């Protein structure tokens, strides 16, 4: 005999609380990593990314600059490798516009132009060309936690859940995270967007071929 059904509002509250707990735990785990471990694990992720068929085929990539104090995955070496291969690089922006905040990606020809502006992360200059649908082939998505089904827990601002539908498809969305950030199942709400692949320092995960064994 099944128990009483949970209404949508109650379920949303449960998800919000679960995400808050996951964020606190993952922030703590990442903060415990020394800089050398961050660099080594990030290097392994970059090595896996550059071998992806989606990376090799991509003409343009949306990446992110790490917030170092948060011990994020460092994809800066990937920026240089992608430019050497003739690919265009785009980076996220959040721009207040009246009562709303516009989100998207802008092309960055010189990574030195990336600086914190309206948010805590490094953003492109406001006059940089903004990507339209079809101009980005691969988007790399940061996470505090992720699962093998392609769902993630971010910082809570909702940037990627709001922005990914504007570029995907055709863009392929790839979550990048350290392997210890993987969950058996990430708490998720109806608005959460599922990504196509998950890359960690130990494995490449296709959501339809998910295994807990990295080997």
N, C-alpha and C. Protein backbone atom coordinates (compact mmCIF):
# COMPACT_ATOMS: atom_id res chain seq x y z
N UNK A 1 0.86 -1.19 0.00
CA UNK A 1 0.00 0.00 0.00
C UNK A 1 0.89 1.24 0.00
N UNK A 2 0.69 2.11 -0.94
CA UNK A 2 1.53 3.30 -1.06
C UNK A 2 1.10 4.36 -0.07
N UNK A 3 2.06 5.24 0.30
CA UNK A 3 1.78 6.32 1.24
C UNK A 3 1.10 7.48 0.54
N UNK A 4 0.79 8.51 1.29
CA UNK A 4 0.12 9.68 0.70
C UNK A 4 1.03 10.39 -0.29
N UNK A 5 0.43 10.92 -1.35
CA UNK A 5 1.20 11.65 -2.35
C UNK A 5 1.64 13.00 -1.79
N UNK A 6 2.85 13.43 -2.21
CA UNK A 6 3.37 14.72 -1.78
C UNK A 6 2.97 15.76 -2.81
N UNK A 7 2.38 16.85 -2.36
CA UNK A 7 1.97 17.88 -3.32
C UNK A 7 3.20 18.60 -3.86
N UNK A 8 3.03 19.29 -4.97
CA UNK A 8 4.15 19.92 -5.68
C UNK A 8 4.87 20.95 -4.81
N UNK A 9 4.11 21.75 -4.07
CA UNK A 9 4.73 22.78 -3.24
C UNK A 9 5.61 22.18 -2.15
N UNK A 10 5.12 21.10 -1.52
CA UNK A 10 5.91 20.43 -0.48
C UNK A 10 7.16 19.81 -1.08
N UNK A 11 7.01 19.23 -2.27
CA UNK A 11 8.15 18.60 -2.94
C UNK A 11 9.23 19.64 -3.26
N UNK A 12 8.81 20.81 -3.71
CA UNK A 12 9.77 21.88 -4.02
C UNK A 12 10.54 22.29 -2.77
N UNK A 13 9.86 22.38 -1.63
CA UNK A 13 10.51 22.74 -0.38
C UNK A 13 11.55 21.68 0.00
N UNK A 14 11.19 20.41 -0.18
CA UNK A 14 12.11 19.32 0.13
C UNK A 14 13.35 19.40 -0.75
N UNK A 15 13.15 19.67 -2.05
CA UNK A 15 14.27 19.78 -2.99
C UNK A 15 15.18 20.94 -2.61
N UNK A 16 14.60 22.08 -2.28
CA UNK A 16 15.40 23.25 -1.88
C UNK A 16 16.26 22.92 -0.67
N UNK A 17 15.69 22.28 0.32
CA UNK A 17 16.43 21.91 1.53
C UNK A 17 17.54 20.91 1.21
N UNK A 18 17.22 19.94 0.36
CA UNK A 18 18.21 18.93 -0.01
C UNK A 18 19.39 19.56 -0.75
N UNK A 19 19.08 20.49 -1.66
CA UNK A 19 20.15 21.17 -2.39
C UNK A 19 21.02 22.00 -1.46
N UNK A 20 20.40 22.65 -0.49
CA UNK A 20 21.16 23.45 0.47
C UNK A 20 22.15 22.58 1.23
N UNK A 21 21.71 21.39 1.62
CA UNK A 21 22.58 20.48 2.34
C UNK A 21 23.72 19.98 1.45
N UNK A 22 23.39 19.67 0.19
CA UNK A 22 24.42 19.20 -0.75
C UNK A 22 25.45 20.30 -0.98
N UNK A 23 24.99 21.53 -1.17
CA UNK A 23 25.92 22.64 -1.39
C UNK A 23 26.88 22.81 -0.22
N UNK A 24 26.35 22.77 0.98
CA UNK A 24 27.19 22.95 2.17
C UNK A 24 28.23 21.84 2.26
N UNK A 25 27.82 20.61 2.00
CA UNK A 25 28.77 19.49 2.09
C UNK A 25 29.84 19.56 1.02
N UNK A 26 29.44 19.88 -0.22
CA UNK A 26 30.41 19.92 -1.32
C UNK A 26 31.35 21.11 -1.21
N UNK A 27 30.84 22.24 -0.74
CA UNK A 27 31.73 23.39 -0.52
C UNK A 27 32.82 23.01 0.49
N UNK A 28 32.41 22.32 1.55
CA UNK A 28 33.36 21.92 2.58
C UNK A 28 34.40 20.94 2.03
N UNK A 29 33.96 19.98 1.25
CA UNK A 29 34.88 19.00 0.67
C UNK A 29 35.86 19.67 -0.29
N UNK A 30 35.38 20.60 -1.10
CA UNK A 30 36.28 21.27 -2.03
C UNK A 30 37.29 22.16 -1.31
N UNK A 31 36.83 22.84 -0.26
CA UNK A 31 37.74 23.70 0.49
C UNK A 31 38.87 22.90 1.13
N UNK A 32 38.62 21.62 1.41
CA UNK A 32 39.64 20.78 2.04
C UNK A 32 40.73 20.36 1.07
N UNK A 33 40.50 20.53 -0.24
CA UNK A 33 41.50 20.13 -1.22
C UNK A 33 42.62 21.16 -1.31
N UNK A 34 43.88 20.73 -1.23
CA UNK A 34 44.99 21.67 -1.42
C UNK A 34 45.08 22.10 -2.89
N UNK A 35 45.77 23.19 -3.13
CA UNK A 35 45.89 23.73 -4.49
C UNK A 35 46.50 22.72 -5.45
N UNK A 36 47.45 21.92 -4.97
CA UNK A 36 48.09 20.93 -5.84
C UNK A 36 47.08 19.87 -6.29
N UNK A 37 46.18 19.48 -5.42
CA UNK A 37 45.17 18.49 -5.78
C UNK A 37 44.17 19.07 -6.78
N UNK A 38 43.80 20.34 -6.58
CA UNK A 38 42.90 21.01 -7.53
C UNK A 38 43.54 21.02 -8.91
N UNK A 39 44.83 21.38 -8.97
CA UNK A 39 45.54 21.45 -10.25
C UNK A 39 45.62 20.09 -10.91
N UNK A 40 45.95 19.06 -10.16
CA UNK A 40 46.09 17.71 -10.72
C UNK A 40 44.76 17.18 -11.24
N UNK A 41 43.72 17.34 -10.44
CA UNK A 41 42.40 16.85 -10.84
C UNK A 41 41.85 17.64 -12.03
N UNK A 42 42.10 18.95 -12.04
CA UNK A 42 41.66 19.78 -13.16
C UNK A 42 42.38 19.39 -14.44
N UNK A 43 43.69 19.10 -14.31
CA UNK A 43 44.47 18.67 -15.47
C UNK A 43 43.88 17.38 -16.07
N UNK A 44 43.49 16.44 -15.21
CA UNK A 44 42.91 15.19 -15.68
C UNK A 44 41.58 15.45 -16.40
N UNK A 45 40.79 16.39 -15.90
CA UNK A 45 39.52 16.73 -16.56
C UNK A 45 39.78 17.34 -17.93
N UNK A 46 40.74 18.25 -18.01
CA UNK A 46 41.07 18.89 -19.29
C UNK A 46 41.53 17.83 -20.30
N UNK A 47 42.34 16.88 -19.85
CA UNK A 47 42.82 15.82 -20.74
C UNK A 47 41.65 15.01 -21.30
N UNK A 48 40.65 14.75 -20.48
CA UNK A 48 39.49 14.00 -20.96
C UNK A 48 38.64 14.85 -21.91
N UNK A 49 38.52 16.13 -21.60
CA UNK A 49 37.71 17.01 -22.44
C UNK A 49 38.27 17.13 -23.85
N UNK A 50 39.58 17.31 -23.98
CA UNK A 50 40.15 17.54 -25.32
C UNK A 50 40.05 16.30 -26.20
N UNK A 51 39.79 15.14 -25.60
CA UNK A 51 39.64 13.91 -26.38
C UNK A 51 38.18 13.64 -26.77
N UNK A 52 37.27 14.41 -26.21
CA UNK A 52 35.86 14.21 -26.53
C UNK A 52 35.60 14.51 -28.00
N UNK A 53 34.86 13.64 -28.69
CA UNK A 53 34.48 13.96 -30.08
C UNK A 53 33.76 15.31 -30.18
N UNK A 54 32.95 15.64 -29.17
CA UNK A 54 32.22 16.91 -29.20
C UNK A 54 33.17 18.09 -29.10
N UNK A 55 34.27 17.95 -28.39
CA UNK A 55 35.27 19.01 -28.31
C UNK A 55 36.03 19.12 -29.62
N UNK A 56 36.46 17.99 -30.14
CA UNK A 56 37.24 17.98 -31.39
C UNK A 56 36.44 18.61 -32.52
N UNK A 57 35.14 18.31 -32.58
CA UNK A 57 34.30 18.81 -33.68
C UNK A 57 33.84 20.24 -33.47
N UNK A 58 33.88 20.73 -32.24
CA UNK A 58 33.33 22.05 -31.93
C UNK A 58 34.12 23.17 -32.60
N UNK A 59 33.41 24.11 -33.18
CA UNK A 59 34.03 25.33 -33.70
C UNK A 59 34.07 26.41 -32.63
N UNK A 60 33.13 26.31 -31.69
CA UNK A 60 33.05 27.32 -30.63
C UNK A 60 32.65 26.64 -29.32
N UNK A 61 33.21 27.14 -28.22
CA UNK A 61 33.01 26.53 -26.91
C UNK A 61 32.66 27.60 -25.89
N UNK A 62 31.68 27.33 -25.06
CA UNK A 62 31.37 28.18 -23.91
C UNK A 62 32.00 27.54 -22.69
N UNK A 63 32.92 28.25 -22.07
CA UNK A 63 33.62 27.72 -20.90
C UNK A 63 33.33 28.63 -19.70
N UNK A 64 34.08 28.46 -18.62
CA UNK A 64 33.95 29.34 -17.46
C UNK A 64 35.32 29.50 -16.82
N UNK A 65 35.57 30.69 -16.29
CA UNK A 65 36.82 31.00 -15.59
C UNK A 65 36.64 30.61 -14.13
N UNK A 66 37.58 29.92 -13.52
CA UNK A 66 37.35 29.43 -12.15
C UNK A 66 37.33 30.54 -11.11
N UNK A 67 36.47 30.38 -10.13
CA UNK A 67 36.52 31.21 -8.93
C UNK A 67 37.47 30.48 -7.99
N UNK A 68 38.71 30.93 -7.94
CA UNK A 68 39.75 30.17 -7.25
C UNK A 68 39.46 29.98 -5.77
N UNK A 69 38.88 30.98 -5.12
CA UNK A 69 38.60 30.85 -3.69
C UNK A 69 37.58 29.76 -3.41
N UNK A 70 36.79 29.39 -4.44
CA UNK A 70 35.80 28.33 -4.29
C UNK A 70 36.35 26.95 -4.67
N UNK A 71 37.64 26.90 -5.06
CA UNK A 71 38.29 25.64 -5.45
C UNK A 71 37.54 24.94 -6.58
N UNK A 72 37.14 25.74 -7.57
CA UNK A 72 36.45 25.17 -8.73
C UNK A 72 37.41 24.46 -9.67
N UNK A 73 36.85 23.63 -10.53
CA UNK A 73 37.63 23.02 -11.61
C UNK A 73 38.25 24.14 -12.43
N UNK A 74 39.55 24.01 -12.71
CA UNK A 74 40.29 25.04 -13.43
C UNK A 74 40.42 24.66 -14.91
N UNK A 75 39.64 25.34 -15.74
CA UNK A 75 39.65 25.05 -17.18
C UNK A 75 40.48 26.05 -17.97
N UNK A 76 41.29 26.86 -17.30
CA UNK A 76 42.09 27.85 -18.02
C UNK A 76 43.03 27.22 -19.05
N UNK A 77 43.67 26.07 -18.75
CA UNK A 77 44.50 25.46 -19.79
C UNK A 77 43.71 25.05 -21.04
N UNK A 78 42.44 24.71 -20.84
CA UNK A 78 41.60 24.34 -21.98
C UNK A 78 41.36 25.53 -22.89
N UNK A 79 41.26 26.72 -22.32
CA UNK A 79 41.09 27.93 -23.11
C UNK A 79 42.23 28.06 -24.11
N UNK A 80 43.46 27.89 -23.64
CA UNK A 80 44.62 28.03 -24.52
C UNK A 80 44.63 26.94 -25.58
N UNK A 81 44.32 25.70 -25.19
CA UNK A 81 44.32 24.58 -26.14
C UNK A 81 43.25 24.78 -27.22
N UNK A 82 42.10 25.27 -26.81
CA UNK A 82 41.01 25.49 -27.78
C UNK A 82 41.38 26.59 -28.77
N UNK A 83 42.01 27.66 -28.29
CA UNK A 83 42.40 28.75 -29.18
C UNK A 83 43.48 28.28 -30.16
N UNK A 84 44.40 27.45 -29.68
CA UNK A 84 45.43 26.92 -30.56
C UNK A 84 44.83 26.08 -31.68
N UNK A 85 43.69 25.45 -31.38
CA UNK A 85 43.00 24.62 -32.37
C UNK A 85 42.07 25.45 -33.25
N UNK A 86 42.06 26.76 -33.08
CA UNK A 86 41.25 27.64 -33.93
C UNK A 86 39.80 27.76 -33.52
N UNK A 87 39.48 27.41 -32.27
CA UNK A 87 38.09 27.48 -31.81
C UNK A 87 37.81 28.84 -31.17
N UNK A 88 36.57 29.28 -31.24
CA UNK A 88 36.14 30.51 -30.57
C UNK A 88 35.72 30.18 -29.14
N UNK A 89 35.99 31.10 -28.22
CA UNK A 89 35.64 30.89 -26.82
C UNK A 89 34.61 31.91 -26.36
N UNK A 90 33.59 31.42 -25.67
CA UNK A 90 32.55 32.25 -25.09
C UNK A 90 32.52 32.05 -23.58
N UNK A 91 32.12 33.10 -22.86
CA UNK A 91 32.04 33.02 -21.40
C UNK A 91 30.73 33.63 -20.92
N UNK A 92 30.25 33.17 -19.75
CA UNK A 92 28.93 33.61 -19.26
C UNK A 92 28.93 35.04 -18.74
N UNK A 93 27.75 35.66 -18.83
CA UNK A 93 27.55 36.96 -18.22
C UNK A 93 26.17 37.01 -17.59
N UNK A 94 26.04 37.83 -16.56
CA UNK A 94 24.75 38.13 -15.94
C UNK A 94 24.66 39.64 -15.85
N UNK A 95 23.64 40.21 -16.47
CA UNK A 95 23.56 41.65 -16.63
C UNK A 95 22.19 42.17 -16.17
N UNK A 96 22.16 42.98 -15.10
CA UNK A 96 20.88 43.54 -14.67
C UNK A 96 20.24 44.36 -15.79
N UNK A 97 18.95 44.14 -15.99
CA UNK A 97 18.20 44.88 -17.01
C UNK A 97 16.81 45.17 -16.46
N UNK A 98 16.68 46.34 -15.84
CA UNK A 98 15.42 46.66 -15.20
C UNK A 98 15.21 45.78 -13.98
N UNK A 99 14.07 45.10 -13.94
CA UNK A 99 13.75 44.24 -12.81
C UNK A 99 14.23 42.80 -13.01
N UNK A 100 14.82 42.52 -14.15
CA UNK A 100 15.30 41.16 -14.44
C UNK A 100 16.81 41.18 -14.66
N UNK A 101 17.37 39.99 -14.75
CA UNK A 101 18.80 39.84 -15.03
C UNK A 101 18.94 39.06 -16.33
N UNK A 102 19.56 39.68 -17.33
CA UNK A 102 19.81 39.00 -18.59
C UNK A 102 20.99 38.05 -18.42
N UNK A 103 20.90 36.89 -19.04
CA UNK A 103 21.99 35.91 -18.98
C UNK A 103 22.34 35.46 -20.38
N UNK A 104 23.56 35.03 -20.56
CA UNK A 104 24.00 34.53 -21.86
C UNK A 104 25.50 34.33 -21.88
N UNK A 105 26.02 34.20 -23.09
CA UNK A 105 27.46 34.02 -23.28
C UNK A 105 27.96 35.03 -24.30
N UNK A 106 29.16 35.56 -24.06
CA UNK A 106 29.77 36.51 -24.98
C UNK A 106 31.14 36.00 -25.42
N UNK A 107 31.46 36.29 -26.68
CA UNK A 107 32.75 35.84 -27.22
C UNK A 107 33.89 36.63 -26.59
N UNK A 108 34.94 35.92 -26.24
CA UNK A 108 36.11 36.54 -25.62
C UNK A 108 37.34 36.16 -26.45
N UNK A 109 37.93 37.15 -27.10
CA UNK A 109 39.11 36.91 -27.92
C UNK A 109 40.40 36.97 -27.11
N UNK A 110 40.35 37.64 -25.98
CA UNK A 110 41.49 37.74 -25.08
C UNK A 110 41.02 37.44 -23.67
N UNK A 111 41.46 36.31 -23.07
CA UNK A 111 40.99 35.97 -21.72
C UNK A 111 41.35 37.01 -20.67
N UNK A 112 42.31 37.88 -20.99
CA UNK A 112 42.65 38.95 -20.07
C UNK A 112 41.51 39.94 -19.87
N UNK A 113 40.51 39.91 -20.76
CA UNK A 113 39.36 40.81 -20.65
C UNK A 113 38.34 40.31 -19.64
N UNK A 114 38.52 39.08 -19.14
CA UNK A 114 37.59 38.51 -18.17
C UNK A 114 37.89 39.04 -16.76
N UNK A 115 36.94 39.75 -16.19
CA UNK A 115 37.10 40.27 -14.83
C UNK A 115 35.74 40.22 -14.12
N UNK A 116 35.73 40.12 -12.78
CA UNK A 116 34.45 40.20 -12.07
C UNK A 116 33.77 41.54 -12.34
N UNK A 117 32.49 41.48 -12.69
CA UNK A 117 31.75 42.71 -13.00
C UNK A 117 30.53 42.80 -12.09
N UNK A 118 29.40 42.27 -12.53
CA UNK A 118 28.20 42.34 -11.71
C UNK A 118 28.10 41.17 -10.73
N UNK A 119 28.90 40.11 -10.98
CA UNK A 119 28.83 38.91 -10.15
C UNK A 119 30.22 38.58 -9.59
N UNK A 120 30.30 37.46 -8.85
CA UNK A 120 31.58 37.07 -8.25
C UNK A 120 32.50 36.37 -9.25
N UNK A 121 31.94 35.92 -10.39
CA UNK A 121 32.77 35.23 -11.37
C UNK A 121 33.25 36.21 -12.44
N UNK A 122 34.31 35.82 -13.15
CA UNK A 122 34.87 36.68 -14.20
C UNK A 122 33.96 36.67 -15.42
N UNK A 123 33.60 37.85 -15.90
CA UNK A 123 32.68 38.00 -17.02
C UNK A 123 33.34 38.73 -18.19
N UNK A 124 32.82 38.53 -19.40
CA UNK A 124 33.32 39.28 -20.56
C UNK A 124 32.91 40.74 -20.48
N UNK A 125 33.58 41.60 -21.25
CA UNK A 125 33.15 43.01 -21.30
C UNK A 125 31.75 43.13 -21.91
N UNK A 126 30.98 44.11 -21.51
CA UNK A 126 29.60 44.25 -21.99
C UNK A 126 29.47 44.49 -23.48
N UNK A 127 30.55 44.94 -24.14
CA UNK A 127 30.46 45.18 -25.58
C UNK A 127 30.94 43.99 -26.40
N UNK A 128 31.28 42.87 -25.74
CA UNK A 128 31.71 41.68 -26.47
C UNK A 128 30.51 41.06 -27.19
N UNK A 129 30.72 40.44 -28.37
CA UNK A 129 29.61 39.87 -29.14
C UNK A 129 28.87 38.78 -28.36
N UNK A 130 27.56 38.88 -28.32
CA UNK A 130 26.74 37.91 -27.60
C UNK A 130 26.36 36.75 -28.51
N UNK A 131 26.43 35.53 -27.97
CA UNK A 131 26.12 34.33 -28.77
C UNK A 131 24.62 34.21 -29.02
N UNK A 132 24.30 33.87 -30.24
CA UNK A 132 22.92 33.53 -30.60
C UNK A 132 22.83 32.02 -30.71
N UNK A 133 21.61 31.50 -30.74
CA UNK A 133 21.44 30.06 -30.90
C UNK A 133 22.14 29.58 -32.17
N UNK A 134 22.90 28.51 -32.03
CA UNK A 134 23.61 27.94 -33.17
C UNK A 134 25.06 28.36 -33.25
N UNK A 135 25.46 29.36 -32.45
CA UNK A 135 26.83 29.84 -32.51
C UNK A 135 27.76 29.14 -31.52
N UNK A 136 27.19 28.39 -30.58
CA UNK A 136 27.99 27.63 -29.61
C UNK A 136 27.73 26.15 -29.84
N UNK A 137 28.81 25.40 -29.99
CA UNK A 137 28.69 23.96 -30.24
C UNK A 137 28.82 23.12 -28.97
N UNK A 138 29.59 23.62 -28.01
CA UNK A 138 29.85 22.87 -26.78
C UNK A 138 29.85 23.83 -25.61
N UNK A 139 29.10 23.52 -24.56
CA UNK A 139 29.08 24.37 -23.37
C UNK A 139 29.51 23.54 -22.16
N UNK A 140 30.49 24.05 -21.42
CA UNK A 140 31.03 23.38 -20.24
C UNK A 140 30.38 24.00 -19.01
N UNK A 141 29.79 23.14 -18.19
CA UNK A 141 28.92 23.58 -17.11
C UNK A 141 29.54 23.24 -15.75
N UNK A 142 29.79 24.23 -14.89
CA UNK A 142 30.33 23.94 -13.56
C UNK A 142 29.25 23.37 -12.65
N UNK A 143 29.67 22.76 -11.55
CA UNK A 143 28.70 22.16 -10.62
C UNK A 143 29.31 22.02 -9.24
N UNK A 144 28.46 22.09 -8.24
CA UNK A 144 28.87 21.71 -6.89
C UNK A 144 28.67 20.23 -6.69
N UNK A 145 27.71 19.67 -7.41
CA UNK A 145 27.45 18.23 -7.38
C UNK A 145 26.74 17.85 -8.67
N UNK A 146 26.84 16.58 -9.03
CA UNK A 146 26.19 16.09 -10.25
C UNK A 146 25.88 14.61 -10.08
N UNK A 147 25.02 14.10 -10.95
CA UNK A 147 24.76 12.66 -10.95
C UNK A 147 24.91 12.10 -12.35
N UNK A 148 24.88 10.79 -12.44
CA UNK A 148 25.09 10.13 -13.72
C UNK A 148 23.96 10.29 -14.70
N UNK A 149 22.84 10.82 -14.24
CA UNK A 149 21.71 11.06 -15.13
C UNK A 149 21.84 12.39 -15.87
N UNK A 150 22.88 13.19 -15.50
CA UNK A 150 23.10 14.44 -16.19
C UNK A 150 22.52 15.66 -15.48
N UNK A 151 22.09 15.49 -14.24
CA UNK A 151 21.58 16.62 -13.47
C UNK A 151 22.66 17.12 -12.51
N UNK A 152 22.55 18.39 -12.13
CA UNK A 152 23.57 19.00 -11.29
C UNK A 152 22.96 19.87 -10.21
N UNK A 153 23.78 20.17 -9.22
CA UNK A 153 23.44 21.16 -8.21
C UNK A 153 24.47 22.27 -8.36
N UNK A 154 24.00 23.48 -8.67
CA UNK A 154 24.89 24.61 -8.82
C UNK A 154 24.89 25.48 -7.58
N UNK A 155 25.23 26.75 -7.73
CA UNK A 155 25.31 27.65 -6.59
C UNK A 155 23.95 28.20 -6.18
N UNK A 156 22.94 28.00 -7.02
CA UNK A 156 21.60 28.42 -6.65
C UNK A 156 21.08 29.64 -7.38
N UNK A 157 21.91 30.26 -8.24
CA UNK A 157 21.46 31.45 -8.97
C UNK A 157 20.59 31.09 -10.17
N UNK A 158 20.66 29.84 -10.62
CA UNK A 158 19.83 29.40 -11.73
C UNK A 158 20.33 29.83 -13.10
N UNK A 159 21.61 30.25 -13.20
CA UNK A 159 22.13 30.76 -14.47
C UNK A 159 22.01 29.72 -15.58
N UNK A 160 22.55 28.53 -15.36
CA UNK A 160 22.59 27.55 -16.44
C UNK A 160 21.22 26.97 -16.76
N UNK A 161 20.38 26.80 -15.75
CA UNK A 161 19.03 26.32 -16.02
C UNK A 161 18.25 27.33 -16.87
N UNK A 162 18.56 28.62 -16.69
CA UNK A 162 17.87 29.65 -17.47
C UNK A 162 18.47 29.82 -18.86
N UNK A 163 19.79 29.59 -18.98
CA UNK A 163 20.50 29.92 -20.21
C UNK A 163 20.67 28.76 -21.18
N UNK A 164 20.84 27.55 -20.66
CA UNK A 164 21.06 26.40 -21.55
C UNK A 164 19.96 26.22 -22.60
N UNK A 165 18.68 26.39 -22.24
CA UNK A 165 17.65 26.22 -23.28
C UNK A 165 17.77 27.21 -24.44
N UNK A 166 18.50 28.32 -24.24
CA UNK A 166 18.67 29.30 -25.31
C UNK A 166 19.72 28.87 -26.34
N UNK A 167 20.60 27.94 -25.98
CA UNK A 167 21.68 27.53 -26.89
C UNK A 167 21.69 26.03 -27.17
N UNK A 168 20.86 25.29 -26.50
CA UNK A 168 20.87 23.83 -26.61
C UNK A 168 19.46 23.33 -26.85
N UNK A 169 19.28 22.58 -27.96
CA UNK A 169 20.27 22.32 -29.01
C UNK A 169 20.52 23.58 -29.86
N UNK A 170 21.61 23.56 -30.65
CA UNK A 170 22.48 22.44 -31.00
C UNK A 170 23.65 22.21 -30.06
N UNK A 171 23.93 23.12 -29.12
CA UNK A 171 25.09 22.94 -28.25
C UNK A 171 24.97 21.67 -27.43
N UNK A 172 26.10 21.01 -27.20
CA UNK A 172 26.19 19.85 -26.31
C UNK A 172 26.61 20.37 -24.94
N UNK A 173 25.86 20.03 -23.90
CA UNK A 173 26.14 20.52 -22.55
C UNK A 173 26.88 19.45 -21.75
N UNK A 174 28.05 19.81 -21.22
CA UNK A 174 28.89 18.87 -20.48
C UNK A 174 29.16 19.41 -19.08
N UNK A 175 28.73 18.68 -18.07
CA UNK A 175 29.03 19.03 -16.68
C UNK A 175 30.48 18.64 -16.40
N UNK A 176 31.25 19.53 -15.78
CA UNK A 176 32.60 19.20 -15.34
C UNK A 176 32.66 19.31 -13.82
N UNK A 177 33.18 18.28 -13.17
CA UNK A 177 33.23 18.24 -11.71
C UNK A 177 34.30 17.25 -11.28
N UNK A 178 34.74 17.38 -10.05
CA UNK A 178 35.64 16.39 -9.48
C UNK A 178 34.84 15.13 -9.16
N UNK A 179 35.49 13.99 -9.22
CA UNK A 179 34.75 12.74 -9.08
C UNK A 179 34.05 12.61 -7.74
N UNK A 180 34.61 13.19 -6.68
CA UNK A 180 33.96 13.08 -5.36
C UNK A 180 32.69 13.90 -5.29
N UNK A 181 32.42 14.72 -6.30
CA UNK A 181 31.20 15.52 -6.33
C UNK A 181 30.02 14.76 -6.93
N UNK A 182 30.25 13.53 -7.36
CA UNK A 182 29.17 12.74 -7.93
C UNK A 182 28.24 12.21 -6.85
N UNK A 183 26.94 12.29 -7.13
CA UNK A 183 25.92 11.74 -6.24
C UNK A 183 25.21 10.59 -6.95
N UNK A 184 24.66 9.68 -6.17
CA UNK A 184 23.85 8.61 -6.78
C UNK A 184 22.65 9.22 -7.49
N UNK A 185 22.07 10.27 -6.89
CA UNK A 185 20.96 10.99 -7.52
C UNK A 185 20.93 12.41 -6.96
N UNK A 186 21.04 13.39 -7.83
CA UNK A 186 21.02 14.78 -7.40
C UNK A 186 19.58 15.23 -7.15
N UNK A 187 19.33 15.98 -6.07
CA UNK A 187 17.98 16.52 -5.87
C UNK A 187 17.66 17.48 -7.00
N UNK A 188 16.47 17.38 -7.56
CA UNK A 188 16.16 18.24 -8.70
C UNK A 188 14.70 18.68 -8.69
N UNK A 189 14.53 19.87 -9.25
CA UNK A 189 13.20 20.45 -9.39
C UNK A 189 12.79 20.40 -10.86
N UNK A 190 11.56 20.77 -11.15
CA UNK A 190 11.05 20.70 -12.52
C UNK A 190 11.83 21.60 -13.47
N UNK A 191 12.36 22.72 -12.94
CA UNK A 191 13.07 23.67 -13.81
C UNK A 191 14.52 23.27 -14.09
N UNK A 192 15.02 22.25 -13.41
CA UNK A 192 16.41 21.85 -13.60
C UNK A 192 16.62 21.22 -14.97
N UNK A 193 17.69 21.63 -15.63
CA UNK A 193 17.98 21.17 -17.00
C UNK A 193 18.97 20.02 -16.98
N UNK A 194 18.67 19.00 -17.73
CA UNK A 194 19.54 17.83 -17.82
C UNK A 194 20.63 18.08 -18.87
N UNK A 195 21.87 17.71 -18.53
CA UNK A 195 22.99 17.89 -19.47
C UNK A 195 23.29 16.58 -20.20
N UNK A 196 24.12 16.68 -21.23
CA UNK A 196 24.35 15.54 -22.12
C UNK A 196 25.44 14.59 -21.65
N UNK A 197 26.46 15.14 -20.97
CA UNK A 197 27.59 14.34 -20.51
C UNK A 197 28.07 14.87 -19.17
N UNK A 198 28.77 14.01 -18.43
CA UNK A 198 29.44 14.43 -17.20
C UNK A 198 30.89 13.99 -17.29
N UNK A 199 31.81 14.93 -17.06
CA UNK A 199 33.24 14.63 -17.11
C UNK A 199 33.84 14.89 -15.72
N UNK A 200 34.54 13.90 -15.18
CA UNK A 200 35.26 14.10 -13.93
C UNK A 200 36.73 13.76 -14.16
N UNK A 201 37.51 13.87 -13.11
CA UNK A 201 38.93 13.53 -13.23
C UNK A 201 39.15 12.03 -13.40
N UNK A 202 38.11 11.21 -13.20
CA UNK A 202 38.25 9.76 -13.31
C UNK A 202 37.47 9.14 -14.45
N UNK A 203 36.49 9.84 -14.99
CA UNK A 203 35.63 9.17 -15.98
C UNK A 203 34.82 10.14 -16.85
N UNK A 204 34.33 9.57 -17.93
CA UNK A 204 33.37 10.24 -18.81
C UNK A 204 32.06 9.48 -18.66
N UNK A 205 31.01 10.20 -18.29
CA UNK A 205 29.73 9.55 -18.03
C UNK A 205 28.71 9.97 -19.08
N UNK A 206 28.16 8.96 -19.74
CA UNK A 206 27.02 9.19 -20.62
C UNK A 206 25.77 8.85 -19.81
N UNK A 207 24.85 9.79 -19.65
CA UNK A 207 23.69 9.56 -18.78
C UNK A 207 22.94 8.27 -19.03
N UNK A 208 22.95 7.77 -20.25
CA UNK A 208 22.20 6.54 -20.53
C UNK A 208 23.04 5.29 -20.27
N UNK A 209 24.32 5.47 -19.90
CA UNK A 209 25.18 4.33 -19.63
C UNK A 209 25.88 4.58 -18.29
N UNK A 210 25.11 4.84 -17.27
CA UNK A 210 25.64 5.26 -15.97
C UNK A 210 26.02 4.06 -15.12
N UNK A 211 27.25 4.10 -14.60
CA UNK A 211 27.74 3.08 -13.67
C UNK A 211 28.50 3.77 -12.55
N UNK A 212 28.39 3.25 -11.35
CA UNK A 212 29.11 3.83 -10.22
C UNK A 212 30.58 3.45 -10.22
N UNK A 213 30.97 2.52 -11.05
CA UNK A 213 32.36 2.04 -11.08
C UNK A 213 33.16 2.86 -12.09
N UNK A 214 34.18 3.65 -11.63
CA UNK A 214 34.96 4.47 -12.58
C UNK A 214 35.84 3.65 -13.50
N UNK A 215 35.96 2.36 -13.23
CA UNK A 215 36.81 1.51 -14.06
C UNK A 215 35.97 0.72 -15.07
